Amino acid sequence: MNRNRSGATFALILLLAASAPAPAGAGAQAGAAAAPKTVQWRGWDAGLKEAAATGRPVLVDVYTDWCGWCRRMERDVYARDDVREYLSRRYVTVKLDAESARAANYQDRRTTEQALAARFHVSGYPTTIFLKPTGEHLVNVPGYVAADRFLSLLRYVGDGYLERGVTFDEFEKHGAEAPSH
């Protein structure tokens, strides 16, 4: 074989090997920098405890098992890389089954997930609830929200515009330069 050709083949093999994905479990370092492939959902109590400890706001996805729009939200919105990455950086994410009798604690009271959904006036699914790190209610967003608009909503709440009194319309129109009230 021609020496030049064998050198080129060897270089191509090295290039392909370097660009191939690492096999599963091929070292903690390879996976450490990668964003999670799914949203890291927590239960109610664990999520509120983590939010208090980290100072991050809480996003609560209120769902039911039979809800088709909830499954679509999971598939089309929460599965997007940019949404998952922003959520993992800025929020504590909690799943709440609106029909579950599973125990939950809120404001020093023992209750159920179903009772929490009622307490937050959830009447349709999915509903996204935003809470302060202290667990104080900020806002409910009822229904399915398309991914691009949802990401904008995440930034609006997560970057503090809601709490500064900026309307969502002002935020969408002006972005980072939205006036504070």
Foldseek 3Di string as FASTA:
>chain_A
DDPVVVVVVVVVVVVVVVPDDDPPPPDPVSCVVDQDQFAPADAAAVLLVVLLVPQAKEKEWEAAPVDPQSVVCRVQARRDPVNSVLCVVGYRYYYAYLPFQPWDDDPNDIGGSVVVCVVLVPDAPGKIWIAGSNRHTQDIDDTHDGRVVVSLVCCCVRVPVSVQPFDSVQCVVPPPPRDGD
